[in-house]
């Protein structure tokens, strides 16, 4: 399950929201699929399983909306080609 937890804390006049997600099951799933070479056909590859929290973090860091993320594939490519996110990759080919 992709459970995301949300916490709130107050710092002075600011209310800070913190969201987190246990990504270990997703990393294990990607590893199993990758090792079993279960990434689809030559026409359609399952490149990765990116957790919601990782996408939310990318959106916050880049200052874009979710809509912008979804319609401009340069953002998805950036995430798929980010070495720090390689554990989520299933098919390791060039995207």
N, C-alpha and C. Protein backbone atom coordinates (compact mmCIF):
# COMPACT_ATOMS: atom_id res chain seq x y z
N UNK A 1 0.85 -1.18 0.00
CA UNK A 1 0.00 0.00 0.00
C UNK A 1 0.89 1.24 0.00
N UNK A 2 0.44 2.28 -0.68
CA UNK A 2 1.21 3.51 -0.81
C UNK A 2 0.79 4.54 0.23
N UNK A 3 0.78 4.15 1.49
CA UNK A 3 0.31 5.01 2.56
C UNK A 3 1.23 6.22 2.75
N UNK A 4 0.65 7.39 2.70
CA UNK A 4 1.38 8.63 2.96
C UNK A 4 0.87 9.20 4.27
N UNK A 5 1.79 9.52 5.18
CA UNK A 5 1.40 10.12 6.45
C UNK A 5 1.69 11.61 6.40
N UNK A 6 0.83 12.36 7.07
CA UNK A 6 0.96 13.81 7.10
C UNK A 6 1.02 14.26 8.55
N UNK A 7 1.96 15.14 8.84
CA UNK A 7 2.08 15.71 10.17
C UNK A 7 2.13 17.23 10.08
N UNK A 8 1.64 17.90 11.10
CA UNK A 8 1.67 19.36 11.16
C UNK A 8 2.38 19.80 12.42
N UNK A 9 3.15 20.86 12.31
CA UNK A 9 3.76 21.46 13.49
C UNK A 9 3.82 22.97 13.29
N UNK A 10 3.80 23.67 14.40
CA UNK A 10 3.82 25.12 14.34
C UNK A 10 5.21 25.62 14.66
N UNK A 11 5.71 26.53 13.82
CA UNK A 11 6.98 27.21 14.06
C UNK A 11 6.69 28.70 14.02
N UNK A 12 6.59 29.30 15.17
CA UNK A 12 6.22 30.71 15.22
C UNK A 12 4.82 30.90 14.68
N UNK A 13 4.70 31.76 13.69
CA UNK A 13 3.40 31.99 13.06
C UNK A 13 3.13 31.03 11.90
N UNK A 14 4.09 30.19 11.58
CA UNK A 14 3.95 29.29 10.43
C UNK A 14 3.47 27.90 10.86
N UNK A 15 2.63 27.32 10.04
CA UNK A 15 2.19 25.96 10.22
C UNK A 15 2.89 25.14 9.14
N UNK A 16 3.72 24.18 9.57
CA UNK A 16 4.54 23.39 8.66
C UNK A 16 3.91 22.01 8.48
N UNK A 17 3.72 21.64 7.21
CA UNK A 17 3.20 20.32 6.90
C UNK A 17 4.37 19.42 6.49
N UNK A 18 4.40 18.22 7.04
CA UNK A 18 5.42 17.24 6.67
C UNK A 18 4.71 15.97 6.22
N UNK A 19 5.03 15.55 4.99
CA UNK A 19 4.44 14.33 4.45
C UNK A 19 5.55 13.32 4.26
N UNK A 20 5.25 12.06 4.54
CA UNK A 20 6.25 11.01 4.36
C UNK A 20 5.58 9.73 3.88
N UNK A 21 6.41 8.88 3.31
CA UNK A 21 5.92 7.61 2.77
C UNK A 21 7.02 6.58 2.94
N UNK A 22 6.66 5.40 3.40
CA UNK A 22 7.61 4.29 3.48
C UNK A 22 7.77 3.74 2.07
N UNK A 23 8.92 3.99 1.45
CA UNK A 23 9.13 3.58 0.07
C UNK A 23 9.82 2.22 -0.04
N UNK A 24 10.17 1.60 1.08
CA UNK A 24 10.85 0.31 1.05
C UNK A 24 10.09 -0.75 0.26
N UNK A 25 8.76 -0.89 0.43
CA UNK A 25 8.04 -1.89 -0.36
C UNK A 25 8.09 -1.61 -1.87
N UNK A 26 8.11 -0.35 -2.23
CA UNK A 26 8.17 0.01 -3.65
C UNK A 26 9.56 -0.30 -4.22
N UNK A 27 10.59 -0.02 -3.44
CA UNK A 27 11.95 -0.37 -3.86
C UNK A 27 12.11 -1.87 -4.03
N UNK A 28 11.53 -2.64 -3.11
CA UNK A 28 11.59 -4.10 -3.21
C UNK A 28 10.84 -4.61 -4.43
N UNK A 29 9.66 -4.04 -4.69
CA UNK A 29 8.88 -4.42 -5.87
C UNK A 29 9.68 -4.17 -7.14
N UNK A 30 10.26 -2.98 -7.25
CA UNK A 30 11.04 -2.62 -8.45
C UNK A 30 12.22 -3.58 -8.62
N UNK A 31 12.88 -3.91 -7.52
CA UNK A 31 14.02 -4.82 -7.58
C UNK A 31 13.59 -6.21 -8.06
N UNK A 32 12.48 -6.70 -7.51
CA UNK A 32 11.97 -8.02 -7.93
C UNK A 32 11.63 -8.03 -9.41
N UNK A 33 10.93 -7.00 -9.87
CA UNK A 33 10.54 -6.92 -11.28
C UNK A 33 11.78 -6.82 -12.18
N UNK A 34 12.73 -6.00 -11.76
CA UNK A 34 13.97 -5.81 -12.53
C UNK A 34 14.75 -7.12 -12.62
N UNK A 35 14.92 -7.80 -11.48
CA UNK A 35 15.68 -9.05 -11.45
C UNK A 35 14.99 -10.16 -12.24
N UNK A 36 13.66 -10.15 -12.26
CA UNK A 36 12.90 -11.15 -13.01
C UNK A 36 12.75 -10.74 -14.48
N UNK A 37 13.28 -9.57 -14.82
CA UNK A 37 13.19 -9.02 -16.18
C UNK A 37 11.72 -8.88 -16.62
N UNK A 38 10.89 -8.51 -15.65
CA UNK A 38 9.45 -8.32 -15.89
C UNK A 38 9.19 -6.84 -16.16
N UNK A 39 9.64 -6.37 -17.31
CA UNK A 39 9.47 -4.95 -17.60
C UNK A 39 8.75 -4.69 -18.91
N UNK A 40 8.03 -5.68 -19.42
CA UNK A 40 7.20 -5.45 -20.60
C UNK A 40 7.82 -5.94 -21.88
N UNK A 41 7.24 -5.47 -22.98
CA UNK A 41 7.66 -5.88 -24.31
C UNK A 41 8.56 -4.83 -24.93
N UNK A 42 9.03 -5.11 -26.14
CA UNK A 42 9.87 -4.13 -26.84
C UNK A 42 9.07 -2.89 -27.22
N UNK A 43 7.75 -3.01 -27.29
CA UNK A 43 6.90 -1.88 -27.66
C UNK A 43 6.48 -1.02 -26.47
N UNK A 44 6.41 -1.63 -25.29
CA UNK A 44 5.95 -0.89 -24.10
C UNK A 44 6.71 -1.39 -22.89
N UNK A 45 7.56 -0.53 -22.35
CA UNK A 45 8.38 -0.89 -21.20
C UNK A 45 7.80 -0.28 -19.93
N UNK A 46 7.87 -1.04 -18.84
CA UNK A 46 7.55 -0.51 -17.51
C UNK A 46 8.87 0.00 -16.95
N UNK A 47 9.09 1.29 -17.06
CA UNK A 47 10.39 1.87 -16.73
C UNK A 47 10.63 1.97 -15.23
N UNK A 48 9.59 2.30 -14.44
CA UNK A 48 9.80 2.53 -13.01
C UNK A 48 8.48 2.55 -12.27
N UNK A 49 8.59 2.44 -10.96
CA UNK A 49 7.44 2.66 -10.06
C UNK A 49 7.90 3.74 -9.08
N UNK A 50 7.46 4.96 -9.35
CA UNK A 50 7.88 6.11 -8.56
C UNK A 50 6.83 6.39 -7.49
N UNK A 51 7.22 6.43 -6.22
CA UNK A 51 6.26 6.70 -5.13
C UNK A 51 5.67 8.11 -5.22
N UNK A 52 4.46 8.23 -4.74
CA UNK A 52 3.77 9.52 -4.73
C UNK A 52 4.58 10.59 -4.01
N UNK A 53 5.16 10.22 -2.88
CA UNK A 53 5.92 11.20 -2.08
C UNK A 53 7.13 11.72 -2.85
N UNK A 54 7.75 10.88 -3.67
CA UNK A 54 8.90 11.30 -4.46
C UNK A 54 8.46 12.30 -5.54
N UNK A 55 7.31 12.03 -6.14
CA UNK A 55 6.76 12.96 -7.14
C UNK A 55 6.40 14.29 -6.48
N UNK A 56 5.76 14.23 -5.32
CA UNK A 56 5.41 15.46 -4.60
C UNK A 56 6.66 16.27 -4.26
N UNK A 57 7.72 15.58 -3.85
CA UNK A 57 8.98 16.26 -3.53
C UNK A 57 9.56 16.93 -4.77
N UNK A 58 9.54 16.24 -5.90
CA UNK A 58 10.05 16.81 -7.16
C UNK A 58 9.26 18.06 -7.53
N UNK A 59 7.94 17.98 -7.42
CA UNK A 59 7.09 19.12 -7.76
C UNK A 59 7.40 20.31 -6.86
N UNK A 60 7.56 20.05 -5.58
CA UNK A 60 7.86 21.14 -4.63
C UNK A 60 9.24 21.75 -4.92
N UNK A 61 10.23 20.91 -5.20
CA UNK A 61 11.60 21.40 -5.48
C UNK A 61 11.67 22.23 -6.75
N UNK A 62 10.91 21.81 -7.77
CA UNK A 62 10.99 22.50 -9.06
C UNK A 62 10.00 23.64 -9.19
N UNK A 63 9.03 23.73 -8.26
CA UNK A 63 8.06 24.82 -8.29
C UNK A 63 7.04 24.70 -9.41
N UNK A 64 6.74 23.48 -9.82
CA UNK A 64 5.75 23.27 -10.87
C UNK A 64 4.48 22.69 -10.27
N UNK A 65 3.41 22.71 -11.04
CA UNK A 65 2.15 22.10 -10.60
C UNK A 65 2.15 20.63 -11.00
N UNK A 66 1.23 19.87 -10.41
CA UNK A 66 1.08 18.47 -10.80
C UNK A 66 0.70 18.37 -12.27
N UNK A 67 -0.15 19.29 -12.72
CA UNK A 67 -0.55 19.31 -14.13
C UNK A 67 0.68 19.48 -15.03
N UNK A 68 1.55 20.42 -14.68
CA UNK A 68 2.78 20.63 -15.47
C UNK A 68 3.62 19.37 -15.49
N UNK A 69 3.72 18.71 -14.36
CA UNK A 69 4.48 17.47 -14.27
C UNK A 69 3.91 16.43 -15.23
N UNK A 70 2.60 16.31 -15.28
CA UNK A 70 1.96 15.28 -16.08
C UNK A 70 2.00 15.56 -17.58
N UNK A 71 1.95 16.81 -17.99
CA UNK A 71 1.86 17.12 -19.43
C UNK A 71 3.21 17.35 -20.09
N UNK A 72 4.25 17.58 -19.33
CA UNK A 72 5.57 17.83 -19.93
C UNK A 72 6.50 16.68 -19.57
N UNK A 73 6.75 15.81 -20.54
CA UNK A 73 7.50 14.60 -20.24
C UNK A 73 8.96 14.84 -19.86
N UNK A 74 9.44 16.07 -19.99
CA UNK A 74 10.82 16.34 -19.55
C UNK A 74 10.95 16.12 -18.05
N UNK A 75 9.86 16.33 -17.30
CA UNK A 75 9.91 16.14 -15.85
C UNK A 75 9.99 14.65 -15.50
N UNK A 76 9.22 13.85 -16.19
CA UNK A 76 9.25 12.42 -15.94
C UNK A 76 10.61 11.86 -16.35
N UNK A 77 11.11 12.31 -17.50
CA UNK A 77 12.45 11.88 -17.93
C UNK A 77 13.52 12.26 -16.90
N UNK A 78 13.40 13.46 -16.37
CA UNK A 78 14.39 13.92 -15.37
C UNK A 78 14.39 12.98 -14.17
N UNK A 79 13.21 12.58 -13.72
CA UNK A 79 13.14 11.68 -12.58
C UNK A 79 13.67 10.30 -12.94
N UNK A 80 13.29 9.79 -14.10
CA UNK A 80 13.73 8.46 -14.50
C UNK A 80 15.24 8.38 -14.71
N UNK A 81 15.84 9.48 -15.11
CA UNK A 81 17.28 9.50 -15.35
C UNK A 81 18.10 10.00 -14.16
N UNK A 82 17.43 10.31 -13.06
CA UNK A 82 18.13 10.77 -11.85
C UNK A 82 18.78 9.57 -11.16
N UNK A 83 20.11 9.56 -11.05
CA UNK A 83 20.78 8.42 -10.41
C UNK A 83 20.33 8.18 -8.97
N UNK A 84 19.91 9.23 -8.28
CA UNK A 84 19.45 9.07 -6.90
C UNK A 84 18.14 8.29 -6.81
N UNK A 85 17.42 8.19 -7.91
CA UNK A 85 16.13 7.49 -7.93
C UNK A 85 16.22 6.16 -8.67
N UNK A 86 17.42 5.70 -8.96
CA UNK A 86 17.60 4.49 -9.78
C UNK A 86 17.02 3.24 -9.12
N UNK A 87 16.88 3.22 -7.82
CA UNK A 87 16.29 2.07 -7.14
C UNK A 87 14.85 1.83 -7.52
N UNK A 88 14.17 2.85 -8.02
CA UNK A 88 12.78 2.72 -8.43
C UNK A 88 12.64 2.27 -9.88
N UNK A 89 13.76 2.21 -10.57
CA UNK A 89 13.74 1.79 -11.99
C UNK A 89 13.50 0.29 -12.09
N UNK A 90 12.72 -0.11 -13.05
CA UNK A 90 12.50 -1.53 -13.34
C UNK A 90 13.25 -1.87 -14.63
N UNK A 91 13.00 -1.11 -15.68
CA UNK A 91 13.74 -1.26 -16.91
C UNK A 91 14.82 -0.18 -16.92
N UNK A 92 16.07 -0.58 -17.05
CA UNK A 92 17.19 0.37 -16.92
C UNK A 92 17.61 1.00 -18.24
N UNK A 93 16.85 0.79 -19.31
CA UNK A 93 17.21 1.36 -20.61
C UNK A 93 17.07 2.88 -20.63
N UNK A 94 17.54 3.45 -21.73
CA UNK A 94 17.49 4.91 -21.90
C UNK A 94 16.06 5.37 -22.12
N UNK A 95 15.68 6.42 -21.42
CA UNK A 95 14.33 6.97 -21.53
C UNK A 95 14.42 8.31 -22.25
